[in-house]
PDB file of N, CA and C in Angstrom:
ATOM      1  N   UNK A   1      -6.694  60.664  18.923  1.00  0.00           N
ATOM      2  CA  UNK A   1      -6.525  61.035  17.430  1.00  0.00           C
ATOM      3  C   UNK A   1      -5.053  60.743  17.237  1.00  0.00           C
ATOM      4  N   UNK A   2      -4.683  60.337  16.174  1.00  0.00           N
ATOM      5  CA  UNK A   2      -3.438  60.027  15.701  1.00  0.00           C
ATOM      6  C   UNK A   2      -2.892  61.613  14.989  1.00  0.00           C
ATOM      7  N   UNK A   3      -1.495  61.902  14.982  1.00  0.00           N
ATOM      8  CA  UNK A   3      -1.170  63.125  14.420  1.00  0.00           C
ATOM      9  C   UNK A   3      -0.329  62.754  13.231  1.00  0.00           C
ATOM     10  N   UNK A   4      -0.645  63.164  12.187  1.00  0.00           N
ATOM     11  CA  UNK A   4       0.182  62.857  11.065  1.00  0.00           C
ATOM     12  C   UNK A   4       0.825  64.386  10.398  1.00  0.00           C
ATOM     13  N   UNK A   5       1.827  64.229   9.731  1.00  0.00           N
ATOM     14  CA  UNK A   5       2.394  65.502   9.182  1.00  0.00           C
ATOM     15  C   UNK A   5       3.297  64.874   7.810  1.00  0.00           C
ATOM     16  N   UNK A   6       3.328  65.699   6.744  1.00  0.00           N
ATOM     17  CA  UNK A   6       3.826  65.369   5.634  1.00  0.00           C
ATOM     18  C   UNK A   6       5.547  65.200   6.082  1.00  0.00           C
ATOM     19  N   UNK A   7       6.128  64.067   5.274  1.00  0.00           N
ATOM     20  CA  UNK A   7       7.367  63.708   5.769  1.00  0.00           C
ATOM     21  C   UNK A   7       8.315  64.783   4.874  1.00  0.00           C
ATOM     22  N   UNK A   8       7.716  65.267   3.845  1.00  0.00           N
ATOM     23  CA  UNK A   8       8.611  66.175   3.072  1.00  0.00           C
ATOM     24  C   UNK A   8       8.411  67.768   3.276  1.00  0.00           C
ATOM     25  N   UNK A   9       7.212  68.171   3.494  1.00  0.00           N
ATOM     26  CA  UNK A   9       7.131  69.603   3.836  1.00  0.00           C
ATOM     27  C   UNK A   9       6.628  69.950   5.051  1.00  0.00           C
ATOM     28  N   UNK A  10       6.100  68.890   5.685  1.00  0.00           N
ATOM     29  CA  UNK A  10       5.888  69.222   7.194  1.00  0.00           C
ATOM     30  C   UNK A  10       4.463  69.487   7.512  1.00  0.00           C
ATOM     31  N   UNK A  11       3.532  69.703   6.395  1.00  0.00           N
ATOM     32  CA  UNK A  11       2.337  70.087   6.534  1.00  0.00           C
ATOM     33  C   UNK A  11       1.458  69.027   7.396  1.00  0.00           C
ATOM     34  N   UNK A  12       0.533  69.691   8.516  1.00  0.00           N
ATOM     35  CA  UNK A  12      -0.049  68.911   9.339  1.00  0.00           C
ATOM     36  C   UNK A  12      -1.324  68.334   8.521  1.00  0.00           C
ATOM     37  N   UNK A  13      -1.239  66.842   8.563  1.00  0.00           N
ATOM     38  CA  UNK A  13      -2.290  65.890   7.756  1.00  0.00           C
ATOM     39  C   UNK A  13      -3.208  65.431   8.833  1.00  0.00           C
ATOM     40  N   UNK A  14      -3.479  65.867   9.984  1.00  0.00           N
ATOM     41  CA  UNK A  14      -4.275  65.272  11.162  1.00  0.00           C
ATOM     42  C   UNK A  14      -5.749  65.296  10.753  1.00  0.00           C
ATOM     43  N   UNK A  15      -6.247  66.457   9.937  1.00  0.00           N
ATOM     44  CA  UNK A  15      -7.745  66.993   9.708  1.00  0.00           C
ATOM     45  C   UNK A  15      -8.252  65.560   8.705  1.00  0.00           C
ATOM     46  N   UNK A  16      -9.402  65.248   9.051  1.00  0.00           N
ATOM     47  CA  UNK A  16     -10.013  64.154   8.195  1.00  0.00           C
ATOM     48  C   UNK A  16     -10.443  64.506   6.764  1.00  0.00           C
ATOM     49  N   UNK A  17     -10.618  65.789   6.453  1.00  0.00           N
ATOM     50  CA  UNK A  17     -10.895  66.167   5.256  1.00  0.00           C
ATOM     51  C   UNK A  17      -9.753  66.208   4.316  1.00  0.00           C
ATOM     52  N   UNK A  18      -8.522  66.462   4.683  1.00  0.00           N
ATOM     53  CA  UNK A  18      -7.469  66.426   3.656  1.00  0.00           C
ATOM     54  C   UNK A  18      -7.107  64.989   3.594  1.00  0.00           C
ATOM     55  N   UNK A  19      -6.693  64.856   2.371  1.00  0.00           N
ATOM     56  CA  UNK A  19      -6.123  63.237   1.777  1.00  0.00           C
ATOM     57  C   UNK A  19      -4.486  63.263   2.467  1.00  0.00           C
ATOM     58  N   UNK A  20      -4.312  61.792   2.937  1.00  0.00           N
ATOM     59  CA  UNK A  20      -3.031  61.620   3.298  1.00  0.00           C
ATOM     60  C   UNK A  20      -2.484  60.472   2.359  1.00  0.00           C
ATOM     61  N   UNK A  21      -1.364  60.326   1.962  1.00  0.00           N
ATOM     62  CA  UNK A  21      -0.531  59.243   0.977  1.00  0.00           C
ATOM     63  C   UNK A  21       0.496  58.830   1.809  1.00  0.00           C
ATOM     64  N   UNK A  22       0.438  57.323   1.915  1.00  0.00           N
ATOM     65  CA  UNK A  22       1.533  56.695   2.244  1.00  0.00           C
ATOM     66  C   UNK A  22       2.413  56.027   1.445  1.00  0.00           C
ATOM     67  N   UNK A  23       3.694  56.414   1.333  1.00  0.00           N
ATOM     68  CA  UNK A  23       4.801  55.739   0.606  1.00  0.00           C
ATOM     69  C   UNK A  23       5.571  54.568   1.413  1.00  0.00           C
ATOM     70  N   UNK A  24       5.434  53.357   0.787  1.00  0.00           N
ATOM     71  CA  UNK A  24       6.338  52.336   1.548  1.00  0.00           C
ATOM     72  C   UNK A  24       7.391  51.991   0.496  1.00  0.00           C
ATOM     73  N   UNK A  25       8.667  51.919   0.983  1.00  0.00           N
ATOM     74  CA  UNK A  25       9.690  51.501   0.051  1.00  0.00           C
ATOM     75  C   UNK A  25      10.520  50.326   0.734  1.00  0.00           C
ATOM     76  N   UNK A  26      11.160  49.438   0.133  1.00  0.00           N
ATOM     77  CA  UNK A  26      11.929  48.504   0.613  1.00  0.00           C
ATOM     78  C   UNK A  26      12.847  47.921  -0.209  1.00  0.00           C
ATOM     79  N   UNK A  27      14.243  48.167   0.421  1.00  0.00           N
ATOM     80  CA  UNK A  27      15.412  48.138  -0.268  1.00  0.00           C
ATOM     81  C   UNK A  27      16.252  46.549   0.139  1.00  0.00           C
ATOM     82  N   UNK A  28      16.731  45.893  -0.829  1.00  0.00           N
ATOM     83  CA  UNK A  28      17.358  44.853  -0.405  1.00  0.00           C
ATOM     84  C   UNK A  28      18.304  44.579  -1.526  1.00  0.00           C
ATOM     85  N   UNK A  29      19.198  43.567  -1.129  1.00  0.00           N
ATOM     86  CA  UNK A  29      20.455  43.192  -2.082  1.00  0.00           C
ATOM     87  C   UNK A  29      19.673  42.227  -3.026  1.00  0.00           C
ATOM     88  N   UNK A  30      20.124  42.519  -4.317  1.00  0.00           N
ATOM     89  CA  UNK A  30      19.595  41.809  -5.475  1.00  0.00           C
ATOM     90  C   UNK A  30      20.667  40.534  -5.595  1.00  0.00           C
ATOM     91  N   UNK A  31      20.163  39.416  -5.826  1.00  0.00           N
ATOM     92  CA  UNK A  31      20.693  38.149  -5.825  1.00  0.00           C
ATOM     93  C   UNK A  31      20.674  37.598  -7.266  1.00  0.00           C
ATOM     94  N   UNK A  32      21.570  37.633  -8.026  1.00  0.00           N
ATOM     95  CA  UNK A  32      21.576  36.937  -9.357  1.00  0.00           C
ATOM     96  C   UNK A  32      22.640  35.907  -9.291  1.00  0.00           C
ATOM     97  N   UNK A  33      21.822  34.792  -9.226  1.00  0.00           N
ATOM     98  CA  UNK A  33      22.823  33.322  -9.218  1.00  0.00           C
ATOM     99  C   UNK A  33      23.786  33.189 -10.238  1.00  0.00           C
ATOM    100  N   UNK A  34      24.916  32.873 -10.048  1.00  0.00           N
ATOM    101  CA  UNK A  34      26.038  32.756 -10.936  1.00  0.00           C
ATOM    102  C   UNK A  34      25.766  31.420 -11.702  1.00  0.00           C
ATOM    103  N   UNK A  35      26.464  31.245 -12.832  1.00  0.00           N
ATOM    104  CA  UNK A  35      26.523  30.068 -13.671  1.00  0.00           C
ATOM    105  C   UNK A  35      27.399  29.195 -13.105  1.00  0.00           C
ATOM    106  N   UNK A  36      27.054  28.024 -12.918  1.00  0.00           N
ATOM    107  CA  UNK A  36      27.682  26.857 -12.252  1.00  0.00           C
ATOM    108  C   UNK A  36      28.687  26.217 -13.374  1.00  0.00           C
ATOM    109  N   UNK A  37      29.626  25.816 -12.916  1.00  0.00           N
ATOM    110  CA  UNK A  37      30.596  25.107 -14.086  1.00  0.00           C
ATOM    111  C   UNK A  37      30.837  23.658 -13.315  1.00  0.00           C
ATOM    112  N   UNK A  38      31.544  22.983 -14.146  1.00  0.00           N
ATOM    113  CA  UNK A  38      31.963  21.457 -13.483  1.00  0.00           C
ATOM    114  C   UNK A  38      33.074  21.636 -12.480  1.00  0.00           C
ATOM    115  N   UNK A  39      33.993  22.657 -12.690  1.00  0.00           N
ATOM    116  CA  UNK A  39      34.955  23.039 -11.571  1.00  0.00           C
ATOM    117  C   UNK A  39      34.179  23.451 -10.409  1.00  0.00           C
ATOM    118  N   UNK A  40      32.935  23.953 -10.355  1.00  0.00           N
ATOM    119  CA  UNK A  40      32.227  24.410  -8.862  1.00  0.00           C
ATOM    120  C   UNK A  40      31.895  23.088  -8.337  1.00  0.00           C
ATOM    121  N   UNK A  41      31.481  22.272  -8.877  1.00  0.00           N
ATOM    122  CA  UNK A  41      30.850  21.035  -8.604  1.00  0.00           C
ATOM    123  C   UNK A  41      32.063  20.107  -7.996  1.00  0.00           C
ATOM    124  N   UNK A  42      33.185  20.300  -8.605  1.00  0.00           N
ATOM    125  CA  UNK A  42      34.173  19.433  -7.890  1.00  0.00           C
ATOM    126  C   UNK A  42      34.868  20.001  -6.659  1.00  0.00           C
ATOM    127  N   UNK A  43      34.652  21.238  -6.466  1.00  0.00           N
ATOM    128  CA  UNK A  43      35.279  21.879  -5.129  1.00  0.00           C
ATOM    129  C   UNK A  43      34.732  21.068  -3.830  1.00  0.00           C
ATOM    130  N   UNK A  44      35.541  21.247  -2.852  1.00  0.00           N
ATOM    131  CA  UNK A  44      35.121  20.756  -1.469  1.00  0.00           C
ATOM    132  C   UNK A  44      34.531  21.808  -0.549  1.00  0.00           C
ATOM    133  N   UNK A  45      33.115  21.642  -0.617  1.00  0.00           N
ATOM    134  CA  UNK A  45      32.423  22.843  -0.120  1.00  0.00           C
ATOM    135  C   UNK A  45      32.381  22.678   1.410  1.00  0.00           C
ATOM    136  N   UNK A  46      32.425  21.513   1.991  1.00  0.00           N
ATOM    137  CA  UNK A  46      32.533  21.333   3.280  1.00  0.00           C
ATOM    138  C   UNK A  46      33.772  21.865   3.832  1.00  0.00           C
ATOM    139  N   UNK A  47      34.974  21.796   3.226  1.00  0.00           N
ATOM    140  CA  UNK A  47      36.293  22.253   3.852  1.00  0.00           C
ATOM    141  C   UNK A  47      36.127  23.904   3.701  1.00  0.00           C
ATOM    142  N   UNK A  48      35.720  24.308   2.672  1.00  0.00           N
ATOM    143  CA  UNK A  48      35.337  25.809   2.558  1.00  0.00           C
ATOM    144  C   UNK A  48      34.703  26.392   3.677  1.00  0.00           C
ATOM    145  N   UNK A  49      33.455  25.963   3.903  1.00  0.00           N
ATOM    146  CA  UNK A  49      32.557  26.270   5.004  1.00  0.00           C
ATOM    147  C   UNK A  49      33.409  26.274   6.356  1.00  0.00           C
ATOM    148  N   UNK A  50      34.196  25.290   6.489  1.00  0.00           N
ATOM    149  CA  UNK A  50      34.551  25.021   7.915  1.00  0.00           C
ATOM    150  C   UNK A  50      35.715  26.373   8.069  1.00  0.00           C
ATOM    151  N   UNK A  51      36.557  26.449   6.840  1.00  0.00           N
ATOM    152  CA  UNK A  51      37.408  27.673   7.050  1.00  0.00           C
ATOM    153  C   UNK A  51      36.732  28.956   7.246  1.00  0.00           C
ATOM    154  N   UNK A  52      35.601  29.251   6.453  1.00  0.00           N
ATOM    155  CA  UNK A  52      34.867  30.321   6.612  1.00  0.00           C
ATOM    156  C   UNK A  52      34.372  30.591   8.189  1.00  0.00           C
ATOM    157  N   UNK A  53      33.968  29.380   8.740  1.00  0.00           N
ATOM    158  CA  UNK A  53      33.576  29.523  10.122  1.00  0.00           C
ATOM    159  C   UNK A  53      34.513  29.862  11.070  1.00  0.00           C
ATOM    160  N   UNK A  54      35.771  29.075  10.858  1.00  0.00           N
ATOM    161  CA  UNK A  54      36.770  29.500  11.543  1.00  0.00           C
ATOM    162  C   UNK A  54      37.279  31.043  11.657  1.00  0.00           C
ATOM    163  N   UNK A  55      37.165  31.482  10.206  1.00  0.00           N
ATOM    164  CA  UNK A  55      37.594  32.836  10.129  1.00  0.00           C
ATOM    165  C   UNK A  55      36.512  33.891  10.908  1.00  0.00           C
ATOM    166  N   UNK A  56      35.203  33.468  10.852  1.00  0.00           N
ATOM    167  CA  UNK A  56      34.136  34.272  11.548  1.00  0.00           C
ATOM    168  C   UNK A  56      34.469  34.046  13.068  1.00  0.00           C
ATOM    169  N   UNK A  57      34.753  33.008  13.692  1.00  0.00           N
ATOM    170  CA  UNK A  57      35.092  33.194  14.973  1.00  0.00           C
ATOM    171  C   UNK A  57      36.237  33.924  15.497  1.00  0.00           C
ATOM    172  N   UNK A  58      37.194  34.283  14.657  1.00  0.00           N
ATOM    173  CA  UNK A  58      38.313  34.995  15.078  1.00  0.00           C
ATOM    174  C   UNK A  58      38.009  36.556  14.854  1.00  0.00           C
ATOM    175  N   UNK A  59      36.773  37.014  14.028  1.00  0.00           N
ATOM    176  CA  UNK A  59      36.398  38.375  13.929  1.00  0.00           C
ATOM    177  C   UNK A  59      35.731  39.020  15.231  1.00  0.00           C
ATOM    178  N   UNK A  60      36.069  40.228  15.167  1.00  0.00           N
ATOM    179  CA  UNK A  60      35.205  40.883  16.544  1.00  0.00           C
ATOM    180  C   UNK A  60      33.820  40.858  16.321  1.00  0.00           C
ATOM    181  N   UNK A  61      32.897  41.003  17.187  1.00  0.00           N
ATOM    182  CA  UNK A  61      31.452  40.894  17.012  1.00  0.00           C
ATOM    183  C   UNK A  61      31.083  42.315  16.544  1.00  0.00           C
ATOM    184  N   UNK A  62      31.823  43.271  16.643  1.00  0.00           N
ATOM    185  CA  UNK A  62      31.258  44.487  16.210  1.00  0.00           C
ATOM    186  C   UNK A  62      31.578  44.733  14.753  1.00  0.00           C
ATOM    187  N   UNK A  63      32.284  43.856  14.094  1.00  0.00           N
ATOM    188  CA  UNK A  63      32.592  43.944  12.736  1.00  0.00           C
ATOM    189  C   UNK A  63      31.487  43.074  11.880  1.00  0.00           C
ATOM    190  N   UNK A  64      30.070  43.559  11.932  1.00  0.00           N
ATOM    191  CA  UNK A  64      28.999  42.882  11.460  1.00  0.00           C
ATOM    192  C   UNK A  64      28.788  43.509   9.956  1.00  0.00           C
ATOM    193  N   UNK A  65      27.976  42.852   9.310  1.00  0.00           N
ATOM    194  CA  UNK A  65      27.441  43.300   7.972  1.00  0.00           C
ATOM    195  C   UNK A  65      26.375  44.042   8.281  1.00  0.00           C
ATOM    196  N   UNK A  66      26.014  45.220   7.290  1.00  0.00           N
ATOM    197  CA  UNK A  66      24.687  45.888   7.744  1.00  0.00           C
ATOM    198  C   UNK A  66      23.524  45.028   7.170  1.00  0.00           C
ATOM    199  N   UNK A  67      22.260  45.439   7.666  1.00  0.00           N
ATOM    200  CA  UNK A  67      21.043  44.620   7.636  1.00  0.00           C
ATOM    201  C   UNK A  67      21.210  44.343   5.938  1.00  0.00           C
ATOM    202  N   UNK A  68      20.564  43.030   5.533  1.00  0.00           N
ATOM    203  CA  UNK A  68      20.356  42.919   4.152  1.00  0.00           C
ATOM    204  C   UNK A  68      19.249  43.656   3.540  1.00  0.00           C
ATOM    205  N   UNK A  69      18.181  44.233   4.345  1.00  0.00           N
ATOM    206  CA  UNK A  69      16.926  44.743   3.965  1.00  0.00           C
ATOM    207  C   UNK A  69      16.416  45.742   4.875  1.00  0.00           C
ATOM    208  N   UNK A  70      15.844  46.720   4.114  1.00  0.00           N
ATOM    209  CA  UNK A  70      15.400  47.675   5.154  1.00  0.00           C
ATOM    210  C   UNK A  70      14.156  48.207   4.601  1.00  0.00           C
ATOM    211  N   UNK A  71      13.240  48.764   5.543  1.00  0.00           N
ATOM    212  CA  UNK A  71      11.800  49.172   4.891  1.00  0.00           C
ATOM    213  C   UNK A  71      11.644  50.470   5.410  1.00  0.00           C
ATOM    214  N   UNK A  72      11.033  51.487   4.425  1.00  0.00           N
ATOM    215  CA  UNK A  72      10.861  52.824   5.003  1.00  0.00           C
ATOM    216  C   UNK A  72       9.170  52.962   4.696  1.00  0.00           C
ATOM    217  N   UNK A  73       8.700  53.902   5.432  1.00  0.00           N
ATOM    218  CA  UNK A  73       7.291  54.410   5.382  1.00  0.00           C
ATOM    219  C   UNK A  73       7.218  55.940   5.622  1.00  0.00           C
ATOM    220  N   UNK A  74       6.608  56.503   4.694  1.00  0.00           N
ATOM    221  CA  UNK A  74       6.427  57.905   4.785  1.00  0.00           C
ATOM    222  C   UNK A  74       4.956  58.348   4.419  1.00  0.00           C
ATOM    223  N   UNK A  75       4.573  59.369   5.148  1.00  0.00           N
ATOM    224  CA  UNK A  75       3.129  60.076   5.025  1.00  0.00           C
ATOM    225  C   UNK A  75       3.330  61.482   4.133  1.00  0.00           C
ATOM    226  N   UNK A  76       2.621  61.532   2.906  1.00  0.00           N
ATOM    227  CA  UNK A  76       2.703  62.709   2.229  1.00  0.00           C
ATOM    228  C   UNK A  76       1.343  63.346   2.016  1.00  0.00           C
ATOM    229  N   UNK A  77       1.609  64.753   1.931  1.00  0.00           N
ATOM    230  CA  UNK A  77       0.448  65.569   1.490  1.00  0.00           C
ATOM    231  C   UNK A  77       0.195  65.412   0.093  1.00  0.00           C
ATOM    232  N   UNK A  78      -0.984  65.732  -0.549  1.00  0.00           N
ATOM    233  CA  UNK A  78      -1.568  65.800  -1.898  1.00  0.00           C
ATOM    234  C   UNK A  78      -0.247  66.148  -2.609  1.00  0.00           C
ATOM    235  N   UNK A  79       0.127  67.426  -2.607  1.00  0.00           N
ATOM    236  CA  UNK A  79       1.181  68.253  -3.323  1.00  0.00           C
ATOM    237  C   UNK A  79       2.637  67.490  -3.493  1.00  0.00           C
ATOM    238  N   UNK A  80       2.873  66.946  -2.313  1.00  0.00           N
ATOM    239  CA  UNK A  80       4.373  66.133  -2.291  1.00  0.00           C
ATOM    240  C   UNK A  80       4.078  64.862  -2.845  1.00  0.00           C
ATOM    241  N   UNK A  81       2.935  64.217  -2.731  1.00  0.00           N
ATOM    242  CA  UNK A  81       2.602  63.013  -3.476  1.00  0.00           C
ATOM    243  C   UNK A  81       2.798  63.110  -4.794  1.00  0.00           C
ATOM    244  N   UNK A  82       2.262  64.358  -5.558  1.00  0.00           N
ATOM    245  CA  UNK A  82       2.321  64.416  -6.980  1.00  0.00           C
ATOM    246  C   UNK A  82       3.768  64.695  -7.247  1.00  0.00           C
ATOM    247  N   UNK A  83       4.477  65.423  -6.553  1.00  0.00           N
ATOM    248  CA  UNK A  83       5.769  65.507  -7.023  1.00  0.00           C
ATOM    249  C   UNK A  83       6.687  64.274  -6.831  1.00  0.00           C
ATOM    250  N   UNK A  84       6.301  63.516  -5.840  1.00  0.00           N
ATOM    251  CA  UNK A  84       6.935  62.102  -5.588  1.00  0.00           C
ATOM    252  C   UNK A  84       6.853  61.164  -6.725  1.00  0.00           C
ATOM    253  N   UNK A  85       5.455  61.201  -7.236  1.00  0.00           N
ATOM    254  CA  UNK A  85       5.118  60.109  -8.322  1.00  0.00           C
ATOM    255  C   UNK A  85       5.661  60.607  -9.500  1.00  0.00           C
ATOM    256  N   UNK A  86       5.813  62.022  -9.851  1.00  0.00           N
ATOM    257  CA  UNK A  86       6.604  62.563 -11.067  1.00  0.00           C
ATOM    258  C   UNK A  86       8.063  62.295 -10.959  1.00  0.00           C
ATOM    259  N   UNK A  87       8.897  62.097  -9.893  1.00  0.00           N
ATOM    260  CA  UNK A  87      10.252  61.937  -9.944  1.00  0.00           C
ATOM    261  C   UNK A  87      10.628  61.228  -8.637  1.00  0.00           C
ATOM    262  N   UNK A  88      10.211  60.089  -8.451  1.00  0.00           N
ATOM    263  CA  UNK A  88      10.462  59.271  -7.291  1.00  0.00           C
ATOM    264  C   UNK A  88      11.781  59.142  -6.717  1.00  0.00           C
ATOM    265  N   UNK A  89      12.865  59.190  -7.619  1.00  0.00           N
ATOM    266  CA  UNK A  89      14.184  59.282  -7.250  1.00  0.00           C
ATOM    267  C   UNK A  89      14.763  60.341  -6.915  1.00  0.00           C
ATOM    268  N   UNK A  90      14.094  61.584  -7.279  1.00  0.00           N
ATOM    269  CA  UNK A  90      14.731  63.033  -7.124  1.00  0.00           C
ATOM    270  C   UNK A  90      15.781  63.322  -8.009  1.00  0.00           C
ATOM    271  N   UNK A  91      15.864  62.620  -9.323  1.00  0.00           N
ATOM    272  CA  UNK A  91      16.919  63.029 -10.368  1.00  0.00           C
ATOM    273  C   UNK A  91      16.792  64.456 -10.843  1.00  0.00           C
ATOM    274  N   UNK A  92      15.415  64.644 -11.013  1.00  0.00           N
ATOM    275  CA  UNK A  92      15.206  66.040 -11.734  1.00  0.00           C
ATOM    276  C   UNK A  92      15.717  67.300 -10.544  1.00  0.00           C
ATOM    277  N   UNK A  93      15.396  66.947  -9.347  1.00  0.00           N
ATOM    278  CA  UNK A  93      15.695  68.104  -8.205  1.00  0.00           C
ATOM    279  C   UNK A  93      17.327  68.068  -8.234  1.00  0.00           C
ATOM    280  N   UNK A  94      17.738  66.872  -8.261  1.00  0.00           N
ATOM    281  CA  UNK A  94      19.356  66.904  -8.066  1.00  0.00           C
ATOM    282  C   UNK A  94      20.120  67.667  -9.368  1.00  0.00           C
ATOM    283  N   UNK A  95      19.500  67.569 -10.398  1.00  0.00           N
ATOM    284  CA  UNK A  95      20.125  68.056 -11.746  1.00  0.00           C
ATOM    285  C   UNK A  95      19.929  69.746 -11.620  1.00  0.00           C
ATOM    286  N   UNK A  96      19.126  70.161 -10.868  1.00  0.00           N
ATOM    287  CA  UNK A  96      18.661  71.649 -10.825  1.00  0.00           C
ATOM    288  C   UNK A  96      19.674  72.291  -9.985  1.00  0.00           C
ATOM    289  N   UNK A  97      20.621  71.722  -9.401  1.00  0.00           N
ATOM    290  CA  UNK A  97      21.804  72.397  -8.787  1.00  0.00           C
ATOM    291  C   UNK A  97      22.833  72.709  -9.668  1.00  0.00           C
ATOM    292  N   UNK A  98      23.248  73.665 -10.289  1.00  0.00           N
ATOM    293  CA  UNK A  98      24.510  73.937 -10.941  1.00  0.00           C
ATOM    294  C   UNK A  98      25.394  74.864 -10.269  1.00  0.00           C
ATOM    295  N   UNK A  99      26.616  74.588  -9.755  1.00  0.00           N
ATOM    296  CA  UNK A  99      27.444  75.554  -9.121  1.00  0.00           C
ATOM    297  C   UNK A  99      28.208  76.278 -10.235  1.00  0.00           C
ATOM    298  N   UNK A 100      28.600  77.491  -9.911  1.00  0.00           N
ATOM    299  CA  UNK A 100      29.605  78.227 -10.833  1.00  0.00           C
ATOM    300  C   UNK A 100      30.862  77.947 -10.454  1.00  0.00           C
ATOM    301  N   UNK A 101      31.706  78.016 -11.411  1.00  0.00           N
ATOM    302  CA  UNK A 101      33.391  77.787 -11.215  1.00  0.00           C
ATOM    303  C   UNK A 101      33.870  79.047 -10.667  1.00  0.00           C
ATOM    304  N   UNK A 102      34.048  79.083  -9.295  1.00  0.00           N
ATOM    305  CA  UNK A 102      34.613  80.168  -8.845  1.00  0.00           C
ATOM    306  C   UNK A 102      36.406  80.259  -8.805  1.00  0.00           C
TER     307      UNK A 102
END
């Protein structure tokens, strides 16, 4: 039998009588194509690509970009699922913390 627990509160979700909710999220860079101009079409793109490839060969292998997309999966109990659906980005929770000026 698989063991599941709520990723927010830690409640054991292994019993078959308690419902379990799965949240799947994916984050990726948005791509909004730029507007092309006549000047863009006149550029020598082969020369620019050659220059970029030469620069890339000179870089250290450790200086790589982070992954373009990431996926997340969370198990939630009914109470945490209800809270998550009501405030999926946690904005209300973040606004509750008000620190005094000491």
